[in-house]
Amino acid sequence: MEQIIKILQSGGTILYPTDTIWGIGCDATNIEAVNKIFEIKKREKNKSMIILVESEKRLQDLVDVPEMAWEIIDLSEKPVTIVYENPRGLPNELLAEDGSIGIRLVKNDFCKKLISRLNKPLISTSANFSGDKSPLRFSDISPEIISLVDYAVEEDREKVSKYSGSSVIKIWHDNRIKVLRE
């Protein structure tokens, strides 16, 4: 874990197992690292990425959480990413064109420990080139992607994800909701 934290703190990128699929990640507050991920994925900069947090406190430090969001997080059996308005303390380059950001409060132990030790939110985007199939297991990741990141986590390499992604739901401060991905 110490090696992963040092890589992330120095602006590096990692491949890691999330509560859904394998992801490419970095310190979400380091814009140079975020830009590296856009380059690795060959992804257009106007396509925003989500971030992961490990605690309710970190989530509340970044956004005002509408009551409806808490209910969805509590009731969802599947990992759920909520798109929030008006985030705080994040680089503008991370935000969608409307100024919003997708954030998932993770429930798996590895991601919780990693984010807690880093003490910053973590970028999470599928470990593939933009438009390719998302990797449910480590062996699904392209060797080229593996060669482009600074470190590939050893944890859970044989595990197959139950989920091909999270649900994505946008919630406005007036509690309107829109399901963007089931």
N, C-alpha and C. Protein backbone atom coordinates (compact mmCIF):
# COMPACT_ATOMS: atom_id res chain seq x y z
N MET A 1 0.83 -1.21 0.00
CA MET A 1 0.00 0.00 0.00
C MET A 1 0.86 1.26 0.00
N GLU A 2 1.98 1.24 0.75
CA GLU A 2 2.85 2.43 0.82
C GLU A 2 3.37 2.82 -0.57
N GLN A 3 3.74 1.84 -1.37
CA GLN A 3 4.25 2.13 -2.72
C GLN A 3 3.16 2.80 -3.57
N ILE A 4 1.94 2.31 -3.48
CA ILE A 4 0.83 2.89 -4.25
C ILE A 4 0.61 4.34 -3.83
N ILE A 5 0.62 4.60 -2.53
CA ILE A 5 0.40 5.96 -2.02
C ILE A 5 1.50 6.89 -2.52
N LYS A 6 2.76 6.44 -2.48
CA LYS A 6 3.87 7.29 -2.96
C LYS A 6 3.71 7.62 -4.44
N ILE A 7 3.30 6.64 -5.23
CA ILE A 7 3.09 6.86 -6.66
C ILE A 7 1.99 7.90 -6.87
N LEU A 8 0.89 7.74 -6.16
CA LEU A 8 -0.23 8.69 -6.29
C LEU A 8 0.16 10.09 -5.81
N GLN A 9 0.88 10.18 -4.71
CA GLN A 9 1.31 11.48 -4.18
C GLN A 9 2.28 12.19 -5.12
N SER A 10 3.03 11.42 -5.91
CA SER A 10 3.99 12.04 -6.83
C SER A 10 3.39 12.30 -8.22
N GLY A 11 2.06 12.19 -8.33
CA GLY A 11 1.40 12.49 -9.61
C GLY A 11 1.31 11.31 -10.54
N GLY A 12 1.49 10.09 -10.02
CA GLY A 12 1.44 8.90 -10.84
C GLY A 12 0.02 8.38 -11.05
N THR A 13 -0.06 7.40 -11.94
CA THR A 13 -1.34 6.77 -12.27
C THR A 13 -1.27 5.28 -11.92
N ILE A 14 -2.42 4.72 -11.56
CA ILE A 14 -2.47 3.30 -11.19
C ILE A 14 -3.62 2.60 -11.89
N LEU A 15 -3.48 1.28 -12.02
CA LEU A 15 -4.59 0.40 -12.37
C LEU A 15 -5.01 -0.24 -11.06
N TYR A 16 -6.30 -0.26 -10.78
CA TYR A 16 -6.73 -0.82 -9.50
C TYR A 16 -8.15 -1.37 -9.57
N PRO A 17 -8.45 -2.35 -8.70
CA PRO A 17 -9.81 -2.89 -8.66
C PRO A 17 -10.72 -1.95 -7.87
N THR A 18 -11.86 -1.62 -8.44
CA THR A 18 -12.82 -0.78 -7.72
C THR A 18 -13.98 -1.66 -7.26
N ASP A 19 -15.02 -1.03 -6.76
CA ASP A 19 -16.21 -1.78 -6.36
C ASP A 19 -17.05 -2.19 -7.57
N THR A 20 -16.60 -1.79 -8.76
CA THR A 20 -17.24 -2.26 -10.00
C THR A 20 -16.15 -2.93 -10.85
N ILE A 21 -15.67 -2.24 -11.85
CA ILE A 21 -14.68 -2.80 -12.78
C ILE A 21 -13.27 -2.35 -12.41
N TRP A 22 -12.26 -2.81 -13.17
CA TRP A 22 -10.90 -2.30 -12.99
C TRP A 22 -10.84 -0.88 -13.51
N GLY A 23 -10.14 -0.02 -12.77
CA GLY A 23 -10.08 1.37 -13.14
C GLY A 23 -8.66 1.89 -13.26
N ILE A 24 -8.56 3.03 -13.92
CA ILE A 24 -7.32 3.81 -13.93
C ILE A 24 -7.58 4.95 -12.96
N GLY A 25 -6.63 5.20 -12.06
CA GLY A 25 -6.85 6.23 -11.06
C GLY A 25 -5.64 7.08 -10.82
N CYS A 26 -5.91 8.22 -10.16
CA CYS A 26 -4.87 9.13 -9.72
C CYS A 26 -5.48 10.03 -8.66
N ASP A 27 -4.64 10.84 -8.04
CA ASP A 27 -5.11 11.85 -7.09
C ASP A 27 -5.99 12.82 -7.88
N ALA A 28 -7.25 12.93 -7.48
CA ALA A 28 -8.21 13.76 -8.23
C ALA A 28 -7.91 15.25 -8.11
N THR A 29 -7.05 15.64 -7.18
CA THR A 29 -6.73 17.06 -7.03
C THR A 29 -5.47 17.46 -7.80
N ASN A 30 -4.82 16.49 -8.45
CA ASN A 30 -3.58 16.75 -9.19
C ASN A 30 -3.89 16.81 -10.69
N ILE A 31 -3.98 18.01 -11.24
CA ILE A 31 -4.44 18.17 -12.62
C ILE A 31 -3.47 17.55 -13.62
N GLU A 32 -2.16 17.55 -13.33
CA GLU A 32 -1.21 16.91 -14.25
C GLU A 32 -1.48 15.41 -14.33
N ALA A 33 -1.76 14.80 -13.19
CA ALA A 33 -2.07 13.36 -13.16
C ALA A 33 -3.39 13.08 -13.89
N VAL A 34 -4.37 13.94 -13.68
CA VAL A 34 -5.67 13.79 -14.36
C VAL A 34 -5.46 13.86 -15.87
N ASN A 35 -4.64 14.81 -16.32
CA ASN A 35 -4.38 14.95 -17.76
C ASN A 35 -3.67 13.72 -18.33
N LYS A 36 -2.80 13.08 -17.51
CA LYS A 36 -2.15 11.84 -17.95
C LYS A 36 -3.20 10.77 -18.26
N ILE A 37 -4.23 10.70 -17.42
CA ILE A 37 -5.27 9.68 -17.63
C ILE A 37 -6.04 9.96 -18.92
N PHE A 38 -6.35 11.23 -19.20
CA PHE A 38 -7.00 11.55 -20.47
C PHE A 38 -6.14 11.08 -21.64
N GLU A 39 -4.82 11.28 -21.53
CA GLU A 39 -3.90 10.86 -22.59
C GLU A 39 -3.85 9.33 -22.71
N ILE A 40 -3.75 8.64 -21.58
CA ILE A 40 -3.69 7.18 -21.59
C ILE A 40 -4.92 6.60 -22.28
N LYS A 41 -6.10 7.12 -21.94
CA LYS A 41 -7.36 6.59 -22.46
C LYS A 41 -7.68 7.09 -23.87
N LYS A 42 -6.92 8.07 -24.32
CA LYS A 42 -7.23 8.72 -25.61
C LYS A 42 -8.66 9.25 -25.56
N ARG A 43 -8.94 9.93 -24.47
CA ARG A 43 -10.29 10.40 -24.17
C ARG A 43 -10.36 11.92 -24.36
N GLU A 44 -11.47 12.36 -24.93
CA GLU A 44 -11.67 13.80 -25.11
C GLU A 44 -11.81 14.45 -23.74
N LYS A 45 -11.22 15.63 -23.60
CA LYS A 45 -11.23 16.32 -22.30
C LYS A 45 -12.63 16.78 -21.89
N ASN A 46 -13.56 16.87 -22.84
CA ASN A 46 -14.91 17.30 -22.45
C ASN A 46 -15.75 16.14 -21.90
N LYS A 47 -15.19 14.93 -21.88
CA LYS A 47 -15.87 13.78 -21.27
C LYS A 47 -15.36 13.64 -19.84
N SER A 48 -16.16 14.03 -18.89
CA SER A 48 -15.70 14.06 -17.50
C SER A 48 -15.51 12.65 -16.94
N MET A 49 -14.70 12.58 -15.88
CA MET A 49 -14.46 11.32 -15.17
C MET A 49 -15.07 11.44 -13.78
N ILE A 50 -15.30 10.31 -13.14
CA ILE A 50 -15.86 10.35 -11.79
C ILE A 50 -14.74 10.25 -10.76
N ILE A 51 -15.09 10.56 -9.53
CA ILE A 51 -14.15 10.39 -8.43
C ILE A 51 -14.77 9.49 -7.39
N LEU A 52 -13.89 8.84 -6.63
CA LEU A 52 -14.31 7.96 -5.55
C LEU A 52 -13.91 8.60 -4.22
N VAL A 53 -14.78 8.46 -3.23
CA VAL A 53 -14.49 8.87 -1.86
C VAL A 53 -14.79 7.70 -0.94
N GLU A 54 -14.14 7.72 0.24
CA GLU A 54 -14.27 6.59 1.15
C GLU A 54 -15.19 6.85 2.33
N SER A 55 -15.59 8.12 2.51
CA SER A 55 -16.36 8.44 3.71
C SER A 55 -17.41 9.50 3.43
N GLU A 56 -18.43 9.51 4.27
CA GLU A 56 -19.47 10.52 4.17
C GLU A 56 -18.87 11.90 4.39
N LYS A 57 -17.89 12.00 5.31
CA LYS A 57 -17.27 13.30 5.58
C LYS A 57 -16.57 13.85 4.34
N ARG A 58 -15.79 13.01 3.65
CA ARG A 58 -15.09 13.50 2.46
C ARG A 58 -16.11 13.92 1.39
N LEU A 59 -17.18 13.15 1.25
CA LEU A 59 -18.23 13.51 0.29
C LEU A 59 -18.80 14.88 0.64
N GLN A 60 -19.09 15.11 1.93
CA GLN A 60 -19.66 16.39 2.35
C GLN A 60 -18.66 17.54 2.27
N ASP A 61 -17.37 17.23 2.32
CA ASP A 61 -16.36 18.27 2.12
C ASP A 61 -16.36 18.77 0.67
N LEU A 62 -16.76 17.90 -0.26
CA LEU A 62 -16.70 18.22 -1.69
C LEU A 62 -17.99 18.80 -2.25
N VAL A 63 -19.13 18.37 -1.70
CA VAL A 63 -20.43 18.79 -2.24
C VAL A 63 -21.46 18.91 -1.12
N ASP A 64 -22.51 19.70 -1.40
CA ASP A 64 -23.68 19.68 -0.53
C ASP A 64 -24.52 18.49 -0.99
N VAL A 65 -24.78 17.57 -0.09
CA VAL A 65 -25.45 16.32 -0.45
C VAL A 65 -26.94 16.45 -0.18
N PRO A 66 -27.77 16.45 -1.23
CA PRO A 66 -29.22 16.51 -1.02
C PRO A 66 -29.71 15.26 -0.28
N GLU A 67 -30.78 15.41 0.47
CA GLU A 67 -31.34 14.29 1.23
C GLU A 67 -31.63 13.09 0.32
N MET A 68 -32.12 13.37 -0.89
CA MET A 68 -32.44 12.30 -1.84
C MET A 68 -31.20 11.46 -2.16
N ALA A 69 -30.04 12.09 -2.22
CA ALA A 69 -28.80 11.35 -2.51
C ALA A 69 -28.50 10.36 -1.39
N TRP A 70 -28.66 10.79 -0.13
CA TRP A 70 -28.42 9.87 1.00
C TRP A 70 -29.35 8.66 0.91
N GLU A 71 -30.61 8.91 0.57
CA GLU A 71 -31.57 7.81 0.46
C GLU A 71 -31.17 6.83 -0.63
N ILE A 72 -30.74 7.35 -1.77
CA ILE A 72 -30.32 6.48 -2.89
C ILE A 72 -29.07 5.68 -2.49
N ILE A 73 -28.10 6.34 -1.88
CA ILE A 73 -26.88 5.65 -1.46
C ILE A 73 -27.21 4.54 -0.47
N ASP A 74 -28.08 4.83 0.50
CA ASP A 74 -28.44 3.84 1.52
C ASP A 74 -29.22 2.66 0.95
N LEU A 75 -30.08 2.92 -0.02
CA LEU A 75 -30.97 1.88 -0.53
C LEU A 75 -30.40 1.07 -1.69
N SER A 76 -29.38 1.60 -2.36
CA SER A 76 -28.86 0.94 -3.55
C SER A 76 -28.06 -0.31 -3.19
N GLU A 77 -28.41 -1.42 -3.83
CA GLU A 77 -27.65 -2.65 -3.65
C GLU A 77 -26.41 -2.66 -4.55
N LYS A 78 -26.53 -1.99 -5.69
CA LYS A 78 -25.44 -1.90 -6.67
C LYS A 78 -24.67 -0.60 -6.40
N PRO A 79 -23.37 -0.57 -6.68
CA PRO A 79 -22.64 0.70 -6.54
C PRO A 79 -23.32 1.80 -7.35
N VAL A 80 -23.42 2.99 -6.76
CA VAL A 80 -24.12 4.10 -7.41
C VAL A 80 -23.25 5.36 -7.38
N THR A 81 -23.13 5.97 -8.55
CA THR A 81 -22.42 7.24 -8.69
C THR A 81 -23.48 8.32 -8.78
N ILE A 82 -23.34 9.33 -7.94
CA ILE A 82 -24.29 10.44 -7.96
C ILE A 82 -23.59 11.65 -8.58
N VAL A 83 -24.28 12.31 -9.49
CA VAL A 83 -23.75 13.52 -10.11
C VAL A 83 -24.30 14.71 -9.32
N TYR A 84 -23.38 15.47 -8.74
CA TYR A 84 -23.74 16.60 -7.88
C TYR A 84 -23.41 17.93 -8.54
N GLU A 85 -24.17 18.96 -8.15
CA GLU A 85 -23.91 20.32 -8.61
C GLU A 85 -22.88 20.99 -7.69
N ASN A 86 -22.20 21.98 -8.22
CA ASN A 86 -21.36 22.90 -7.44
C ASN A 86 -20.37 22.24 -6.48
N PRO A 87 -19.47 21.38 -6.99
CA PRO A 87 -18.46 20.80 -6.10
C PRO A 87 -17.44 21.85 -5.64
N ARG A 88 -16.77 21.52 -4.52
CA ARG A 88 -15.76 22.42 -3.96
C ARG A 88 -14.39 21.73 -3.97
N GLY A 89 -13.34 22.52 -4.22
CA GLY A 89 -11.98 22.04 -4.04
C GLY A 89 -11.49 21.05 -5.09
N LEU A 90 -12.13 21.02 -6.24
CA LEU A 90 -11.70 20.12 -7.31
C LEU A 90 -11.30 20.95 -8.53
N PRO A 91 -10.31 20.47 -9.29
CA PRO A 91 -9.90 21.21 -10.49
C PRO A 91 -11.06 21.34 -11.49
N ASN A 92 -11.17 22.51 -12.10
CA ASN A 92 -12.23 22.74 -13.09
C ASN A 92 -12.19 21.73 -14.23
N GLU A 93 -10.98 21.25 -14.56
CA GLU A 93 -10.82 20.29 -15.65
C GLU A 93 -11.55 18.98 -15.37
N LEU A 94 -11.85 18.71 -14.12
CA LEU A 94 -12.56 17.48 -13.76
C LEU A 94 -14.07 17.59 -13.93
N LEU A 95 -14.56 18.81 -13.96
CA LEU A 95 -15.99 19.02 -13.94
C LEU A 95 -16.61 18.90 -15.33
N ALA A 96 -17.87 18.48 -15.35
CA ALA A 96 -18.62 18.43 -16.61
C ALA A 96 -18.86 19.86 -17.09
N GLU A 97 -19.34 19.99 -18.30
CA GLU A 97 -19.57 21.32 -18.88
C GLU A 97 -20.53 22.15 -18.04
N ASP A 98 -21.47 21.50 -17.34
CA ASP A 98 -22.42 22.24 -16.50
C ASP A 98 -21.90 22.47 -15.08
N GLY A 99 -20.61 22.12 -14.84
CA GLY A 99 -20.00 22.36 -13.54
C GLY A 99 -20.25 21.27 -12.51
N SER A 100 -20.86 20.16 -12.92
CA SER A 100 -21.18 19.07 -11.99
C SER A 100 -20.04 18.03 -11.98
N ILE A 101 -20.12 17.10 -11.01
CA ILE A 101 -19.14 16.01 -10.91
C ILE A 101 -19.83 14.75 -10.40
N GLY A 102 -19.43 13.61 -10.95
CA GLY A 102 -19.93 12.32 -10.48
C GLY A 102 -19.04 11.81 -9.36
N ILE A 103 -19.65 11.45 -8.24
CA ILE A 103 -18.89 10.95 -7.08
C ILE A 103 -19.54 9.67 -6.57
N ARG A 104 -18.70 8.66 -6.31
CA ARG A 104 -19.21 7.41 -5.73
C ARG A 104 -18.58 7.21 -4.35
N LEU A 105 -19.42 6.98 -3.38
CA LEU A 105 -18.99 6.62 -2.03
C LEU A 105 -18.79 5.11 -2.05
N VAL A 106 -17.52 4.67 -2.03
CA VAL A 106 -17.21 3.25 -2.21
C VAL A 106 -17.49 2.46 -0.94
N LYS A 107 -17.78 1.19 -1.15
CA LYS A 107 -18.07 0.31 -0.02
C LYS A 107 -17.04 -0.80 0.12
N ASN A 108 -16.17 -0.99 -0.89
CA ASN A 108 -15.21 -2.10 -0.76
C ASN A 108 -13.97 -1.66 0.02
N ASP A 109 -13.43 -2.60 0.78
CA ASP A 109 -12.37 -2.30 1.74
C ASP A 109 -11.10 -1.78 1.09
N PHE A 110 -10.69 -2.36 -0.04
CA PHE A 110 -9.44 -1.94 -0.67
C PHE A 110 -9.50 -0.45 -1.05
N CYS A 111 -10.56 -0.04 -1.74
CA CYS A 111 -10.68 1.36 -2.17
C CYS A 111 -10.81 2.29 -0.96
N LYS A 112 -11.55 1.88 0.04
CA LYS A 112 -11.70 2.72 1.24
C LYS A 112 -10.34 2.97 1.89
N LYS A 113 -9.55 1.91 2.02
CA LYS A 113 -8.23 2.03 2.65
C LYS A 113 -7.30 2.89 1.80
N LEU A 114 -7.32 2.66 0.49
CA LEU A 114 -6.46 3.42 -0.43
C LEU A 114 -6.78 4.92 -0.36
N ILE A 115 -8.05 5.27 -0.45
CA ILE A 115 -8.44 6.68 -0.45
C ILE A 115 -8.16 7.32 0.91
N SER A 116 -8.43 6.57 1.96
CA SER A 116 -8.17 7.08 3.31
C SER A 116 -6.69 7.36 3.51
N ARG A 117 -5.83 6.45 3.07
CA ARG A 117 -4.38 6.64 3.22
C ARG A 117 -3.87 7.78 2.33
N LEU A 118 -4.41 7.90 1.12
CA LEU A 118 -4.03 9.01 0.24
C LEU A 118 -4.54 10.33 0.83
N ASN A 119 -5.69 10.27 1.50
CA ASN A 119 -6.34 11.42 2.11
C ASN A 119 -6.81 12.45 1.07
N LYS A 120 -7.17 11.92 -0.10
CA LYS A 120 -7.71 12.75 -1.18
C LYS A 120 -8.65 11.89 -2.00
N PRO A 121 -9.60 12.50 -2.72
CA PRO A 121 -10.45 11.69 -3.61
C PRO A 121 -9.61 11.10 -4.74
N LEU A 122 -10.10 10.01 -5.30
CA LEU A 122 -9.38 9.26 -6.33
C LEU A 122 -10.18 9.28 -7.63
N ILE A 123 -9.49 9.54 -8.73
CA ILE A 123 -10.13 9.42 -10.05
C ILE A 123 -10.46 7.95 -10.28
N SER A 124 -11.59 7.72 -10.93
CA SER A 124 -11.92 6.36 -11.35
C SER A 124 -12.51 6.42 -12.75
N THR A 125 -11.83 5.79 -13.67
CA THR A 125 -12.33 5.67 -15.03
C THR A 125 -11.95 4.28 -15.51
N SER A 126 -12.76 3.69 -16.34
CA SER A 126 -12.53 2.30 -16.75
C SER A 126 -11.15 2.12 -17.37
N ALA A 127 -10.52 0.99 -17.08
CA ALA A 127 -9.16 0.69 -17.54
C ALA A 127 -9.18 0.17 -18.97
N ASN A 128 -9.57 1.06 -19.88
CA ASN A 128 -9.63 0.73 -21.31
C ASN A 128 -9.45 2.01 -22.12
N PHE A 129 -9.28 1.84 -23.42
CA PHE A 129 -9.27 3.01 -24.29
C PHE A 129 -10.71 3.45 -24.47
N SER A 130 -10.90 4.74 -24.62
CA SER A 130 -12.24 5.30 -24.76
C SER A 130 -13.00 4.57 -25.87
N GLY A 131 -14.18 4.07 -25.52
CA GLY A 131 -15.01 3.36 -26.49
C GLY A 131 -14.88 1.85 -26.46
N ASP A 132 -13.81 1.31 -25.84
CA ASP A 132 -13.61 -0.14 -25.74
C ASP A 132 -14.42 -0.72 -24.57
N LYS A 133 -14.52 -2.06 -24.54
CA LYS A 133 -15.26 -2.75 -23.49
C LYS A 133 -14.55 -2.58 -22.13
N SER A 134 -15.35 -2.40 -21.08
CA SER A 134 -14.80 -2.24 -19.73
C SER A 134 -14.31 -3.57 -19.17
N PRO A 135 -13.16 -3.57 -18.47
CA PRO A 135 -12.57 -4.81 -17.96
C PRO A 135 -13.20 -5.27 -16.63
N LEU A 136 -13.82 -6.44 -16.65
CA LEU A 136 -14.41 -7.01 -15.44
C LEU A 136 -13.36 -7.69 -14.57
N ARG A 137 -12.22 -8.04 -15.17
CA ARG A 137 -11.11 -8.67 -14.42
C ARG A 137 -9.80 -8.11 -14.98
N PHE A 138 -8.74 -8.30 -14.24
CA PHE A 138 -7.44 -7.75 -14.64
C PHE A 138 -7.02 -8.27 -16.02
N SER A 139 -7.26 -9.56 -16.28
CA SER A 139 -6.83 -10.15 -17.55
C SER A 139 -7.55 -9.56 -18.77
N ASP A 140 -8.63 -8.80 -18.54
CA ASP A 140 -9.34 -8.14 -19.64
C ASP A 140 -8.68 -6.82 -20.06
N ILE A 141 -7.71 -6.36 -19.30
CA ILE A 141 -7.08 -5.06 -19.57
C ILE A 141 -6.02 -5.21 -20.67
N SER A 142 -6.05 -4.31 -21.62
CA SER A 142 -5.09 -4.30 -22.72
C SER A 142 -3.66 -4.16 -22.19
N PRO A 143 -2.73 -4.98 -22.72
CA PRO A 143 -1.32 -4.82 -22.33
C PRO A 143 -0.81 -3.40 -22.56
N GLU A 144 -1.33 -2.74 -23.57
CA GLU A 144 -0.89 -1.36 -23.84
C GLU A 144 -1.31 -0.43 -22.70
N ILE A 145 -2.52 -0.59 -22.20
CA ILE A 145 -2.98 0.22 -21.06
C ILE A 145 -2.08 -0.06 -19.86
N ILE A 146 -1.80 -1.34 -19.60
CA ILE A 146 -0.95 -1.71 -18.46
C ILE A 146 0.41 -1.03 -18.57
N SER A 147 0.95 -0.98 -19.78
CA SER A 147 2.28 -0.39 -19.96
C SER A 147 2.27 1.14 -19.81
N LEU A 148 1.11 1.76 -19.93
CA LEU A 148 1.04 3.22 -19.90
C LEU A 148 0.85 3.80 -18.49
N VAL A 149 0.39 2.98 -17.53
CA VAL A 149 0.23 3.48 -16.16
C VAL A 149 1.52 3.27 -15.38
N ASP A 150 1.62 3.96 -14.25
CA ASP A 150 2.84 3.86 -13.44
C ASP A 150 2.88 2.61 -12.57
N TYR A 151 1.70 2.07 -12.24
CA TYR A 151 1.68 0.90 -11.35
C TYR A 151 0.36 0.15 -11.51
N ALA A 152 0.44 -1.16 -11.52
CA ALA A 152 -0.77 -2.01 -11.54
C ALA A 152 -0.86 -2.73 -10.19
N VAL A 153 -1.92 -2.47 -9.48
CA VAL A 153 -2.14 -3.04 -8.15
C VAL A 153 -2.24 -4.57 -8.25
N GLU A 154 -1.67 -5.27 -7.28
CA GLU A 154 -1.68 -6.74 -7.25
C GLU A 154 -3.01 -7.30 -6.72
N GLU A 155 -3.69 -6.53 -5.90
CA GLU A 155 -4.92 -6.94 -5.22
C GLU A 155 -6.01 -7.41 -6.20
N ASP A 156 -6.66 -8.51 -5.90
CA ASP A 156 -7.89 -8.97 -6.60
C ASP A 156 -7.75 -9.18 -8.10
N ARG A 157 -6.57 -9.55 -8.58
CA ARG A 157 -6.37 -9.71 -10.02
C ARG A 157 -7.19 -10.86 -10.61
N GLU A 158 -7.51 -11.87 -9.81
CA GLU A 158 -8.27 -13.02 -10.31
C GLU A 158 -9.78 -12.83 -10.18
N LYS A 159 -10.18 -11.87 -9.37
CA LYS A 159 -11.59 -11.65 -9.08
C LYS A 159 -12.32 -11.10 -10.32
N VAL A 160 -13.54 -11.58 -10.55
CA VAL A 160 -14.38 -11.08 -11.64
C VAL A 160 -15.46 -10.19 -11.02
N SER A 161 -15.60 -9.00 -11.53
CA SER A 161 -16.58 -8.06 -10.99
C SER A 161 -18.01 -8.54 -11.22
N LYS A 162 -18.85 -8.31 -10.22
CA LYS A 162 -20.29 -8.59 -10.37
C LYS A 162 -20.97 -7.52 -11.20
N TYR A 163 -20.34 -6.36 -11.29
CA TYR A 163 -20.97 -5.20 -11.94
C TYR A 163 -20.12 -4.70 -13.09
N SER A 164 -20.77 -4.37 -14.20
CA SER A 164 -20.03 -3.84 -15.35
C SER A 164 -19.91 -2.32 -15.27
N GLY A 165 -20.36 -1.76 -14.18
CA GLY A 165 -20.29 -0.33 -13.93
C GLY A 165 -21.29 0.02 -12.85
N SER A 166 -21.24 1.26 -12.42
CA SER A 166 -22.19 1.69 -11.40
C SER A 166 -23.42 2.30 -12.07
N SER A 167 -24.49 2.39 -11.31
CA SER A 167 -25.62 3.22 -11.74
C SER A 167 -25.13 4.66 -11.64
N VAL A 168 -25.63 5.52 -12.52
CA VAL A 168 -25.27 6.94 -12.47
C VAL A 168 -26.57 7.74 -12.42
N ILE A 169 -26.69 8.54 -11.37
CA ILE A 169 -27.92 9.31 -11.15
C ILE A 169 -27.55 10.75 -10.87
N LYS A 170 -28.15 11.68 -11.60
CA LYS A 170 -27.93 13.10 -11.35
C LYS A 170 -29.02 13.59 -10.40
N ILE A 171 -28.58 14.33 -9.38
CA ILE A 171 -29.52 14.89 -8.41
C ILE A 171 -29.26 16.38 -8.29
N TRP A 172 -30.34 17.15 -8.42
CA TRP A 172 -30.25 18.59 -8.26
C TRP A 172 -30.57 18.94 -6.80
N HIS A 173 -30.23 20.15 -6.40
CA HIS A 173 -30.46 20.57 -5.00
C HIS A 173 -31.93 20.57 -4.63
N ASP A 174 -32.81 20.70 -5.62
CA ASP A 174 -34.26 20.67 -5.31
C ASP A 174 -34.80 19.24 -5.32
N ASN A 175 -33.89 18.26 -5.29
CA ASN A 175 -34.22 16.82 -5.23
C ASN A 175 -34.80 16.23 -6.51
N ARG A 176 -34.74 16.98 -7.63
CA ARG A 176 -35.07 16.35 -8.91
C ARG A 176 -33.99 15.33 -9.21
N ILE A 177 -34.37 14.22 -9.85
CA ILE A 177 -33.37 13.21 -10.20
C ILE A 177 -33.54 12.80 -11.66
N LYS A 178 -32.43 12.34 -12.22
CA LYS A 178 -32.43 11.81 -13.58
C LYS A 178 -31.47 10.64 -13.60
N VAL A 179 -31.96 9.47 -14.01
CA VAL A 179 -31.09 8.30 -14.12
C VAL A 179 -30.35 8.40 -15.45
N LEU A 180 -29.01 8.48 -15.37
CA LEU A 180 -28.18 8.58 -16.57
C LEU A 180 -27.71 7.21 -17.04
N ARG A 181 -27.56 6.26 -16.08
CA ARG A 181 -27.21 4.88 -16.41
C ARG A 181 -27.74 3.98 -15.30
N GLU A 182 -28.48 2.95 -15.71
CA GLU A 182 -29.05 2.04 -14.70
C GLU A 182 -28.03 1.04 -14.21
